[in-house]
Amino acid sequence: MVENRCYTVKELQVILGISRPTVYELLKRNEFKWFLIGTKYRIPKMGFDEWLNNKSENN
């Protein structure tokens, strides 16, 4: 079984408890690294998790 190494926009919505447009706003502001595969956004788990940990530590 292969472990996914990237999150989708929908997964970030659930993880962060925010709306789809808000996820896209975070992507637009380059809050964390992301890339496109065709028209689909993919967010590397390692970079996102680091970003989230840093946000948690700053509050």
PDB file of N, CA and C in Angstrom:
ATOM      1  N   MET A   1       0.840  -1.193   0.000  1.00  0.00           N
ATOM      2  CA  MET A   1       0.000   0.000   0.000  1.00  0.00           C
ATOM      3  C   MET A   1       0.880   1.249   0.000  1.00  0.00           C
ATOM      4  N   VAL A   2       0.543   2.202  -0.840  1.00  0.00           N
ATOM      5  CA  VAL A   2       1.315   3.428  -0.996  1.00  0.00           C
ATOM      6  C   VAL A   2       0.695   4.540  -0.152  1.00  0.00           C
ATOM      7  N   GLU A   3       1.540   5.207   0.609  1.00  0.00           N
ATOM      8  CA  GLU A   3       1.069   6.339   1.417  1.00  0.00           C
ATOM      9  C   GLU A   3       1.086   7.594   0.553  1.00  0.00           C
ATOM     10  N   ASN A   4      -0.023   8.342   0.573  1.00  0.00           N
ATOM     11  CA  ASN A   4      -0.072   9.594  -0.173  1.00  0.00           C
ATOM     12  C   ASN A   4       0.879  10.600   0.451  1.00  0.00           C
ATOM     13  N   ARG A   5       1.608  11.277  -0.413  1.00  0.00           N
ATOM     14  CA  ARG A   5       2.584  12.255   0.074  1.00  0.00           C
ATOM     15  C   ARG A   5       2.096  13.685  -0.079  1.00  0.00           C
ATOM     16  N   CYS A   6       0.883  13.840  -0.624  1.00  0.00           N
ATOM     17  CA  CYS A   6       0.324  15.170  -0.847  1.00  0.00           C
ATOM     18  C   CYS A   6      -1.114  15.232  -0.361  1.00  0.00           C
ATOM     19  N   TYR A   7      -1.522  16.436   0.023  1.00  0.00           N
ATOM     20  CA  TYR A   7      -2.906  16.705   0.362  1.00  0.00           C
ATOM     21  C   TYR A   7      -3.619  17.298  -0.843  1.00  0.00           C
ATOM     22  N   THR A   8      -4.937  17.145  -0.870  1.00  0.00           N
ATOM     23  CA  THR A   8      -5.775  17.804  -1.865  1.00  0.00           C
ATOM     24  C   THR A   8      -6.422  19.020  -1.208  1.00  0.00           C
ATOM     25  N   VAL A   9      -7.055  19.857  -2.007  1.00  0.00           N
ATOM     26  CA  VAL A   9      -7.777  21.014  -1.470  1.00  0.00           C
ATOM     27  C   VAL A   9      -8.865  20.533  -0.510  1.00  0.00           C
ATOM     28  N   LYS A  10      -9.579  19.501  -0.898  1.00  0.00           N
ATOM     29  CA  LYS A  10     -10.647  18.972  -0.044  1.00  0.00           C
ATOM     30  C   LYS A  10     -10.100  18.479   1.297  1.00  0.00           C
ATOM     31  N   GLU A  11      -8.964  17.820   1.287  1.00  0.00           N
ATOM     32  CA  GLU A  11      -8.370  17.353   2.543  1.00  0.00           C
ATOM     33  C   GLU A  11      -7.975  18.530   3.435  1.00  0.00           C
ATOM     34  N   LEU A  12      -7.439  19.610   2.836  1.00  0.00           N
ATOM     35  CA  LEU A  12      -7.090  20.787   3.643  1.00  0.00           C
ATOM     36  C   LEU A  12      -8.331  21.430   4.246  1.00  0.00           C
ATOM     37  N   GLN A  13      -9.442  21.425   3.500  1.00  0.00           N
ATOM     38  CA  GLN A  13     -10.692  21.946   4.046  1.00  0.00           C
ATOM     39  C   GLN A  13     -11.043  21.220   5.335  1.00  0.00           C
ATOM     40  N   VAL A  14     -10.940  19.903   5.320  1.00  0.00           N
ATOM     41  CA  VAL A  14     -11.294  19.100   6.485  1.00  0.00           C
ATOM     42  C   VAL A  14     -10.281  19.308   7.609  1.00  0.00           C
ATOM     43  N   ILE A  15      -8.989  19.260   7.286  1.00  0.00           N
ATOM     44  CA  ILE A  15      -7.941  19.400   8.301  1.00  0.00           C
ATOM     45  C   ILE A  15      -8.054  20.737   9.024  1.00  0.00           C
ATOM     46  N   LEU A  16      -8.265  21.806   8.253  1.00  0.00           N
ATOM     47  CA  LEU A  16      -8.289  23.147   8.834  1.00  0.00           C
ATOM     48  C   LEU A  16      -9.692  23.613   9.231  1.00  0.00           C
ATOM     49  N   GLY A  17     -10.717  22.909   8.760  1.00  0.00           N
ATOM     50  CA  GLY A  17     -12.088  23.306   9.081  1.00  0.00           C
ATOM     51  C   GLY A  17     -12.461  24.626   8.455  1.00  0.00           C
ATOM     52  N   ILE A  18     -12.046  24.816   7.191  1.00  0.00           N
ATOM     53  CA  ILE A  18     -12.314  26.068   6.483  1.00  0.00           C
ATOM     54  C   ILE A  18     -12.993  25.776   5.147  1.00  0.00           C
ATOM     55  N   SER A  19     -13.453  26.831   4.500  1.00  0.00           N
ATOM     56  CA  SER A  19     -14.148  26.681   3.225  1.00  0.00           C
ATOM     57  C   SER A  19     -13.171  26.499   2.067  1.00  0.00           C
ATOM     58  N   ARG A  20     -13.693  26.003   0.966  1.00  0.00           N
ATOM     59  CA  ARG A  20     -12.897  25.815  -0.246  1.00  0.00           C
ATOM     60  C   ARG A  20     -12.275  27.140  -0.714  1.00  0.00           C
ATOM     61  N   PRO A  21     -13.060  28.230  -0.782  1.00  0.00           N
ATOM     62  CA  PRO A  21     -12.452  29.500  -1.200  1.00  0.00           C
ATOM     63  C   PRO A  21     -11.310  29.956  -0.284  1.00  0.00           C
ATOM     64  N   THR A  22     -11.413  29.659   0.996  1.00  0.00           N
ATOM     65  CA  THR A  22     -10.353  30.041   1.922  1.00  0.00           C
ATOM     66  C   THR A  22      -9.083  29.246   1.650  1.00  0.00           C
ATOM     67  N   VAL A  23      -9.222  27.960   1.324  1.00  0.00           N
ATOM     68  CA  VAL A  23      -8.047  27.157   0.956  1.00  0.00           C
ATOM     69  C   VAL A  23      -7.382  27.767  -0.271  1.00  0.00           C
ATOM     70  N   TYR A  24      -8.179  28.132  -1.269  1.00  0.00           N
ATOM     71  CA  TYR A  24      -7.608  28.732  -2.485  1.00  0.00           C
ATOM     72  C   TYR A  24      -6.932  30.069  -2.184  1.00  0.00           C
ATOM     73  N   GLU A  25      -7.458  30.813  -1.237  1.00  0.00           N
ATOM     74  CA  GLU A  25      -6.818  32.078  -0.838  1.00  0.00           C
ATOM     75  C   GLU A  25      -5.455  31.810  -0.219  1.00  0.00           C
ATOM     76  N   LEU A  26      -5.351  30.779   0.623  1.00  0.00           N
ATOM     77  CA  LEU A  26      -4.055  30.406   1.202  1.00  0.00           C
ATOM     78  C   LEU A  26      -3.067  30.010   0.111  1.00  0.00           C
ATOM     79  N   LEU A  27      -3.546  29.266  -0.887  1.00  0.00           N
ATOM     80  CA  LEU A  27      -2.681  28.875  -2.007  1.00  0.00           C
ATOM     81  C   LEU A  27      -2.223  30.109  -2.781  1.00  0.00           C
ATOM     82  N   LYS A  28      -3.156  31.014  -3.039  1.00  0.00           N
ATOM     83  CA  LYS A  28      -2.850  32.241  -3.780  1.00  0.00           C
ATOM     84  C   LYS A  28      -1.796  33.083  -3.056  1.00  0.00           C
ATOM     85  N   ARG A  29      -1.854  33.083  -1.717  1.00  0.00           N
ATOM     86  CA  ARG A  29      -0.898  33.857  -0.914  1.00  0.00           C
ATOM     87  C   ARG A  29       0.404  33.097  -0.683  1.00  0.00           C
ATOM     88  N   ASN A  30       0.514  31.887  -1.237  1.00  0.00           N
ATOM     89  CA  ASN A  30       1.718  31.057  -1.083  1.00  0.00           C
ATOM     90  C   ASN A  30       2.082  30.849   0.378  1.00  0.00           C
ATOM     91  N   GLU A  31       1.065  30.575   1.184  1.00  0.00           N
ATOM     92  CA  GLU A  31       1.287  30.305   2.608  1.00  0.00           C
ATOM     93  C   GLU A  31       2.140  29.057   2.804  1.00  0.00           C
ATOM     94  N   PHE A  32       2.004  28.096   1.897  1.00  0.00           N
ATOM     95  CA  PHE A  32       2.787  26.866   1.908  1.00  0.00           C
ATOM     96  C   PHE A  32       2.993  26.437   0.461  1.00  0.00           C
ATOM     97  N   LYS A  33       3.917  25.519   0.268  1.00  0.00           N
ATOM     98  CA  LYS A  33       4.246  25.080  -1.086  1.00  0.00           C
ATOM     99  C   LYS A  33       3.114  24.254  -1.674  1.00  0.00           C
ATOM    100  N   TRP A  34       2.935  24.389  -2.965  1.00  0.00           N
ATOM    101  CA  TRP A  34       1.934  23.627  -3.697  1.00  0.00           C
ATOM    102  C   TRP A  34       2.373  23.530  -5.147  1.00  0.00           C
ATOM    103  N   PHE A  35       1.739  22.629  -5.884  1.00  0.00           N
ATOM    104  CA  PHE A  35       1.991  22.519  -7.321  1.00  0.00           C
ATOM    105  C   PHE A  35       0.719  22.022  -7.992  1.00  0.00           C
ATOM    106  N   LEU A  36       0.701  22.145  -9.312  1.00  0.00           N
ATOM    107  CA  LEU A  36      -0.440  21.700 -10.096  1.00  0.00           C
ATOM    108  C   LEU A  36      -0.093  20.426 -10.846  1.00  0.00           C
ATOM    109  N   ILE A  37      -1.051  19.523 -10.894  1.00  0.00           N
ATOM    110  CA  ILE A  37      -0.985  18.369 -11.791  1.00  0.00           C
ATOM    111  C   ILE A  37      -2.208  18.538 -12.682  1.00  0.00           C
ATOM    112  N   GLY A  38      -1.971  18.989 -13.897  1.00  0.00           N
ATOM    113  CA  GLY A  38      -3.090  19.374 -14.758  1.00  0.00           C
ATOM    114  C   GLY A  38      -3.750  20.597 -14.157  1.00  0.00           C
ATOM    115  N   THR A  39      -4.987  20.435 -13.725  1.00  0.00           N
ATOM    116  CA  THR A  39      -5.711  21.542 -13.084  1.00  0.00           C
ATOM    117  C   THR A  39      -5.925  21.298 -11.589  1.00  0.00           C
ATOM    118  N   LYS A  40      -5.315  20.249 -11.066  1.00  0.00           N
ATOM    119  CA  LYS A  40      -5.513  19.872  -9.661  1.00  0.00           C
ATOM    120  C   LYS A  40      -4.342  20.334  -8.794  1.00  0.00           C
ATOM    121  N   TYR A  41      -4.676  21.002  -7.703  1.00  0.00           N
ATOM    122  CA  TYR A  41      -3.657  21.434  -6.751  1.00  0.00           C
ATOM    123  C   TYR A  41      -3.253  20.269  -5.865  1.00  0.00           C
ATOM    124  N   ARG A  42      -1.962  20.188  -5.593  1.00  0.00           N
ATOM    125  CA  ARG A  42      -1.446  19.205  -4.655  1.00  0.00           C
ATOM    126  C   ARG A  42      -0.508  19.921  -3.701  1.00  0.00           C
ATOM    127  N   ILE A  43      -0.654  19.618  -2.422  1.00  0.00           N
ATOM    128  CA  ILE A  43       0.123  20.277  -1.383  1.00  0.00           C
ATOM    129  C   ILE A  43       0.945  19.198  -0.674  1.00  0.00           C
ATOM    130  N   PRO A  44       2.274  19.270  -0.792  1.00  0.00           N
ATOM    131  CA  PRO A  44       3.111  18.262  -0.145  1.00  0.00           C
ATOM    132  C   PRO A  44       2.866  18.234   1.369  1.00  0.00           C
ATOM    133  N   LYS A  45       2.648  17.048   1.903  1.00  0.00           N
ATOM    134  CA  LYS A  45       2.347  16.898   3.327  1.00  0.00           C
ATOM    135  C   LYS A  45       3.447  17.463   4.213  1.00  0.00           C
ATOM    136  N   MET A  46       4.689  17.186   3.874  1.00  0.00           N
ATOM    137  CA  MET A  46       5.794  17.623   4.726  1.00  0.00           C
ATOM    138  C   MET A  46       5.801  19.143   4.882  1.00  0.00           C
ATOM    139  N   GLY A  47       5.715  19.862   3.778  1.00  0.00           N
ATOM    140  CA  GLY A  47       5.725  21.325   3.832  1.00  0.00           C
ATOM    141  C   GLY A  47       4.506  21.889   4.533  1.00  0.00           C
ATOM    142  N   PHE A  48       3.333  21.306   4.261  1.00  0.00           N
ATOM    143  CA  PHE A  48       2.118  21.787   4.906  1.00  0.00           C
ATOM    144  C   PHE A  48       2.178  21.543   6.411  1.00  0.00           C
ATOM    145  N   ASP A  49       2.606  20.345   6.806  1.00  0.00           N
ATOM    146  CA  ASP A  49       2.679  20.024   8.222  1.00  0.00           C
ATOM    147  C   ASP A  49       3.657  20.936   8.958  1.00  0.00           C
ATOM    148  N   GLU A  50       4.768  21.281   8.331  1.00  0.00           N
ATOM    149  CA  GLU A  50       5.720  22.232   8.923  1.00  0.00           C
ATOM    150  C   GLU A  50       5.066  23.594   9.094  1.00  0.00           C
ATOM    151  N   TRP A  51       4.360  24.056   8.056  1.00  0.00           N
ATOM    152  CA  TRP A  51       3.661  25.344   8.104  1.00  0.00           C
ATOM    153  C   TRP A  51       2.652  25.345   9.249  1.00  0.00           C
ATOM    154  N   LEU A  52       1.867  24.264   9.356  1.00  0.00           N
ATOM    155  CA  LEU A  52       0.850  24.176  10.391  1.00  0.00           C
ATOM    156  C   LEU A  52       1.479  24.149  11.780  1.00  0.00           C
ATOM    157  N   ASN A  53       2.561  23.420  11.937  1.00  0.00           N
ATOM    158  CA  ASN A  53       3.258  23.378  13.229  1.00  0.00           C
ATOM    159  C   ASN A  53       3.784  24.759  13.609  1.00  0.00           C
ATOM    160  N   ASN A  54       4.337  25.486  12.648  1.00  0.00           N
ATOM    161  CA  ASN A  54       4.839  26.843  12.916  1.00  0.00           C
ATOM    162  C   ASN A  54       3.707  27.778  13.303  1.00  0.00           C
ATOM    163  N   LYS A  55       2.553  27.641  12.651  1.00  0.00           N
ATOM    164  CA  LYS A  55       1.399  28.483  12.987  1.00  0.00           C
ATOM    165  C   LYS A  55       0.928  28.185  14.409  1.00  0.00           C
ATOM    166  N   SER A  56       0.941  26.912  14.780  1.00  0.00           N
ATOM    167  CA  SER A  56       0.496  26.512  16.114  1.00  0.00           C
ATOM    168  C   SER A  56       1.429  27.044  17.184  1.00  0.00           C
ATOM    169  N   GLU A  57       2.728  27.033  16.904  1.00  0.00           N
ATOM    170  CA  GLU A  57       3.717  27.498  17.878  1.00  0.00           C
ATOM    171  C   GLU A  57       3.659  29.004  18.066  1.00  0.00           C
ATOM    172  N   ASN A  58       3.233  29.740  17.045  1.00  0.00           N
ATOM    173  CA  ASN A  58       3.195  31.201  17.117  1.00  0.00           C
ATOM    174  C   ASN A  58       1.969  31.725  17.849  1.00  0.00           C
ATOM    175  N   ASN A  59       1.023  30.871  18.167  1.00  0.00           N
ATOM    176  CA  ASN A  59      -0.202  31.320  18.868  1.00  0.00           C
ATOM    177  C   ASN A  59      -0.176  30.942  20.315  1.00  0.00           C
TER     178      ASN A  59
END
